[in-house]
């Protein structure tokens, strides 16, 4: 089996060597979910802190839930700054995913106590609209600071969905985190949509299967 790529900090070191003193990484989670918010995480590092990043940091999708949980506190305590921004399910519906992603990114960046010199944005499109932004395809696999942002955003959003599960018990949010599992799909068919569902996504997906 081919090992998943693990970022080694070389991309960040090149940016530090170019004169940047603080570097941010930004990534989003929850884009494909049926329910719950879209989350965007941003992490800021200095060159000194880059060397002390905990082992095992990589794209959150390549880690187990337990591994993400174990990395959360060491990351949160050893980065220069971090923040998570959200766009609600209603915003995802009414504004569209592109605009919702930009809103969540702005909220995350506005939540920082510093302004980074460079921002590494995961993917081919700059959804931050900041002049300091640098897009990096597969950034969560190639950049330590982007991978760190993906982990903090994923754990934060997962915790939120687990908390919401108590309010909406039939949907199994503590297990599926709002994604379209078999259990979640059946609950939508049996009980309908909740106030935290992205109605344009879930109804369209069910209709495409002939279930709605």
Protein backbone atom coordinates (compact mmCIF):
# COMPACT_ATOMS: atom_id res chain seq x y z
CA UNK A 1 0.00 0.00 0.00
CA UNK A 2 1.30 3.46 -0.88
CA UNK A 3 1.82 5.63 2.15
CA UNK A 4 -0.17 8.85 2.33
CA UNK A 5 1.93 11.95 1.72
CA UNK A 6 3.03 13.68 4.89
CA UNK A 7 4.14 17.33 4.66
CA UNK A 8 7.65 17.99 5.93
CA UNK A 9 7.62 21.77 6.27
CA UNK A 10 9.73 22.43 3.19
CA UNK A 11 7.07 24.63 1.59
CA UNK A 12 6.91 26.79 4.72
CA UNK A 13 10.69 26.99 5.06
CA UNK A 14 10.93 28.36 1.54
CA UNK A 15 8.45 31.10 2.43
CA UNK A 16 10.31 31.93 5.63
CA UNK A 17 13.57 32.06 3.71
CA UNK A 18 11.91 34.53 1.33
CA UNK A 19 11.44 36.94 4.22
CA UNK A 20 8.01 36.12 5.64
CA UNK A 21 7.94 36.14 9.44
CA UNK A 22 4.47 34.63 9.95
CA UNK A 23 2.78 32.12 7.67
CA UNK A 24 -0.85 31.00 7.80
CA UNK A 25 -2.47 27.92 6.37
CA UNK A 26 -6.18 27.77 5.66
CA UNK A 27 -8.46 24.85 4.83
CA UNK A 28 -12.16 24.05 4.93
CA UNK A 29 -14.13 21.05 6.16
CA UNK A 30 -17.77 20.06 5.85
CA UNK A 31 -18.27 21.15 2.26
CA UNK A 32 -19.99 17.91 1.26
CA UNK A 33 -22.15 17.49 4.36
CA UNK A 34 -25.94 17.53 4.28
CA UNK A 35 -26.27 19.16 7.70
CA UNK A 36 -24.32 21.52 9.89
CA UNK A 37 -22.05 24.43 9.07
CA UNK A 38 -19.15 24.76 6.71
CA UNK A 39 -15.98 25.30 8.76
CA UNK A 40 -12.76 27.01 7.73
CA UNK A 41 -9.67 26.71 9.90
CA UNK A 42 -6.64 28.98 9.84
CA UNK A 43 -3.34 28.36 11.64
CA UNK A 44 -0.41 30.78 11.93
CA UNK A 45 3.21 29.74 12.51
CA UNK A 46 6.57 31.39 12.95
CA UNK A 47 9.79 29.76 11.79
CA UNK A 48 10.68 28.79 15.35
CA UNK A 49 7.36 27.07 15.93
CA UNK A 50 7.52 25.21 12.62
CA UNK A 51 10.34 23.12 14.05
CA UNK A 52 8.24 22.13 17.07
CA UNK A 53 5.15 20.90 15.23
CA UNK A 54 3.95 17.55 16.64
CA UNK A 55 4.71 14.41 14.66
CA UNK A 56 2.02 12.95 12.45
CA UNK A 57 0.42 16.16 11.19
CA UNK A 58 -1.16 15.58 7.79
CA UNK A 59 -4.41 16.07 5.92
CA UNK A 60 -7.22 15.45 8.42
CA UNK A 61 -8.94 13.07 5.97
CA UNK A 62 -5.90 10.77 6.18
CA UNK A 63 -6.14 10.50 9.97
CA UNK A 64 -8.47 8.52 12.18
CA UNK A 65 -10.79 10.40 14.51
CA UNK A 66 -8.64 9.29 17.45
CA UNK A 67 -5.45 10.51 15.79
CA UNK A 68 -7.05 13.89 15.08
CA UNK A 69 -8.17 14.19 18.70
CA UNK A 70 -4.69 13.38 19.97
CA UNK A 71 -3.15 16.04 17.74
CA UNK A 72 -5.68 18.73 18.55
CA UNK A 73 -4.30 19.96 21.89
CA UNK A 74 -0.59 19.82 20.92
CA UNK A 75 -1.42 21.83 17.80
CA UNK A 76 -3.68 24.35 19.50
CA UNK A 77 -1.11 24.95 22.23
CA UNK A 78 1.96 25.23 20.00
CA UNK A 79 0.94 27.44 17.09
CA UNK A 80 1.26 31.22 17.02
CA UNK A 81 -2.48 31.68 16.52
CA UNK A 82 -5.48 29.84 15.13
CA UNK A 83 -9.17 30.47 14.51
CA UNK A 84 -12.18 28.67 13.07
CA UNK A 85 -14.82 30.44 10.99
CA UNK A 86 -18.24 29.04 10.17
CA UNK A 87 -20.88 29.55 7.53
CA UNK A 88 -24.29 28.27 8.60
CA UNK A 89 -26.38 25.76 6.71
CA UNK A 90 -28.76 28.60 5.79
CA UNK A 91 -25.87 30.60 4.35
CA UNK A 92 -24.72 27.57 2.36
CA UNK A 93 -28.24 27.29 0.95
CA UNK A 94 -29.03 30.93 0.25
CA UNK A 95 -25.61 32.18 -0.86
CA UNK A 96 -24.17 29.06 -2.47
CA UNK A 97 -21.11 27.14 -1.39
CA UNK A 98 -18.55 29.45 -3.01
CA UNK A 99 -19.82 32.53 -1.18
CA UNK A 100 -20.29 30.57 2.05
CA UNK A 101 -16.68 29.38 1.89
CA UNK A 102 -15.49 32.96 1.44
CA UNK A 103 -17.60 34.14 4.40
CA UNK A 104 -16.28 31.39 6.67
CA UNK A 105 -12.71 32.18 5.59
CA UNK A 106 -13.18 35.87 6.33
CA UNK A 107 -14.58 35.07 9.77
CA UNK A 108 -11.64 32.79 10.52
CA UNK A 109 -9.05 35.36 9.41
CA UNK A 110 -10.85 38.15 11.28
CA UNK A 111 -10.65 35.97 14.39
CA UNK A 112 -6.86 35.99 14.42
CA UNK A 113 -5.01 38.39 16.71
CA UNK A 114 -2.29 38.95 14.10
CA UNK A 115 -2.09 39.50 10.34
CA UNK A 116 0.10 36.83 8.71
CA UNK A 117 2.64 37.80 6.07
CA UNK A 118 1.61 34.93 3.79
CA UNK A 119 -1.50 32.74 3.63
CA UNK A 120 -1.32 29.30 2.03
CA UNK A 121 -4.78 28.46 0.70
CA UNK A 122 -5.63 24.82 0.06
CA UNK A 123 -6.75 24.22 -3.51
CA UNK A 124 -6.60 26.07 -6.82
CA UNK A 125 -8.90 28.97 -5.88
CA UNK A 126 -8.21 31.79 -3.46
CA UNK A 127 -11.30 31.92 -1.26
CA UNK A 128 -9.73 34.41 1.17
CA UNK A 129 -9.55 37.40 -1.20
CA UNK A 130 -6.40 38.52 0.61
CA UNK A 131 -3.37 39.90 -1.23
CA UNK A 132 -1.10 37.72 0.93
CA UNK A 133 -2.76 34.53 -0.32
CA UNK A 134 -0.90 31.79 -2.20
CA UNK A 135 -2.97 28.93 -3.62
CA UNK A 136 -1.55 25.43 -3.33
CA UNK A 137 -3.23 22.44 -4.95
CA UNK A 138 -3.34 19.53 -2.48
CA UNK A 139 -2.13 21.98 0.11
CA UNK A 140 -3.40 19.82 2.96
CA UNK A 141 -1.00 17.10 1.75
CA UNK A 142 1.96 19.37 0.97
CA UNK A 143 1.90 22.04 3.68
CA UNK A 144 2.22 21.45 7.42
CA UNK A 145 0.38 24.63 8.34
CA UNK A 146 -2.53 23.84 6.00
CA UNK A 147 -2.71 20.28 7.37
CA UNK A 148 -2.75 21.71 10.90
CA UNK A 149 -5.62 24.00 9.93
CA UNK A 150 -7.55 21.06 8.49
CA UNK A 151 -7.15 19.08 11.74
CA UNK A 152 -8.25 21.91 14.03
CA UNK A 153 -11.23 22.71 11.80
CA UNK A 154 -12.27 19.07 11.50
CA UNK A 155 -12.12 18.37 15.24
CA UNK A 156 -13.95 21.60 16.06
CA UNK A 157 -16.73 20.89 13.56
CA UNK A 158 -17.01 17.24 14.65
CA UNK A 159 -17.42 18.32 18.27
CA UNK A 160 -20.15 20.73 17.26
CA UNK A 161 -22.04 18.01 15.36
CA UNK A 162 -21.76 15.64 18.33
CA UNK A 163 -23.26 18.34 20.54
CA UNK A 164 -26.09 18.91 18.04
CA UNK A 165 -26.86 15.19 18.01
CA UNK A 166 -28.62 15.53 21.37
CA UNK A 167 -31.09 17.98 19.82
CA UNK A 168 -31.66 15.86 16.70
CA UNK A 169 -31.30 12.24 17.91
CA UNK A 170 -32.78 10.34 14.92
CA UNK A 171 -30.10 11.57 12.51
CA UNK A 172 -27.02 10.08 14.13
CA UNK A 173 -24.95 13.26 13.87
CA UNK A 174 -22.60 11.95 16.55
CA UNK A 175 -21.61 9.24 14.07
CA UNK A 176 -21.99 10.78 10.60
CA UNK A 177 -21.19 14.43 11.50
CA UNK A 178 -23.88 15.55 9.06
CA UNK A 179 -22.65 13.58 6.06
CA UNK A 180 -24.94 11.35 4.00
CA UNK A 181 -24.60 8.00 5.73
CA UNK A 182 -27.25 5.31 5.28
CA UNK A 183 -28.58 6.11 8.74
CA UNK A 184 -28.76 9.83 7.99
CA UNK A 185 -30.43 9.29 4.64
CA UNK A 186 -33.09 7.07 6.20
CA UNK A 187 -33.73 9.58 8.98
CA UNK A 188 -34.32 12.34 6.43
CA UNK A 189 -36.79 10.11 4.61
CA UNK A 190 -38.57 9.18 7.87
CA UNK A 191 -38.52 12.49 9.76
CA UNK A 192 -37.78 15.17 7.19
CA UNK A 193 -35.22 17.95 7.36
CA UNK A 194 -34.14 19.86 10.45
CA UNK A 195 -33.25 23.53 10.78
CA UNK A 196 -29.55 22.68 10.42
CA UNK A 197 -29.91 20.79 7.14
CA UNK A 198 -28.70 22.29 3.87
CA UNK A 199 -32.00 21.83 2.14
CA UNK A 200 -30.79 22.44 -1.40
CA UNK A 201 -28.16 19.69 -1.00
CA UNK A 202 -30.05 16.99 0.86
CA UNK A 203 -33.31 17.24 -1.06
CA UNK A 204 -31.49 17.28 -4.40
CA UNK A 205 -29.41 14.26 -3.42
CA UNK A 206 -32.47 12.28 -2.38
CA UNK A 207 -34.33 13.27 -5.53
CA UNK A 208 -31.46 12.07 -7.70
CA UNK A 209 -31.92 8.61 -6.16
CA UNK A 210 -35.69 8.68 -6.56
CA UNK A 211 -36.24 8.85 -2.80
CA UNK A 212 -37.80 12.31 -2.55
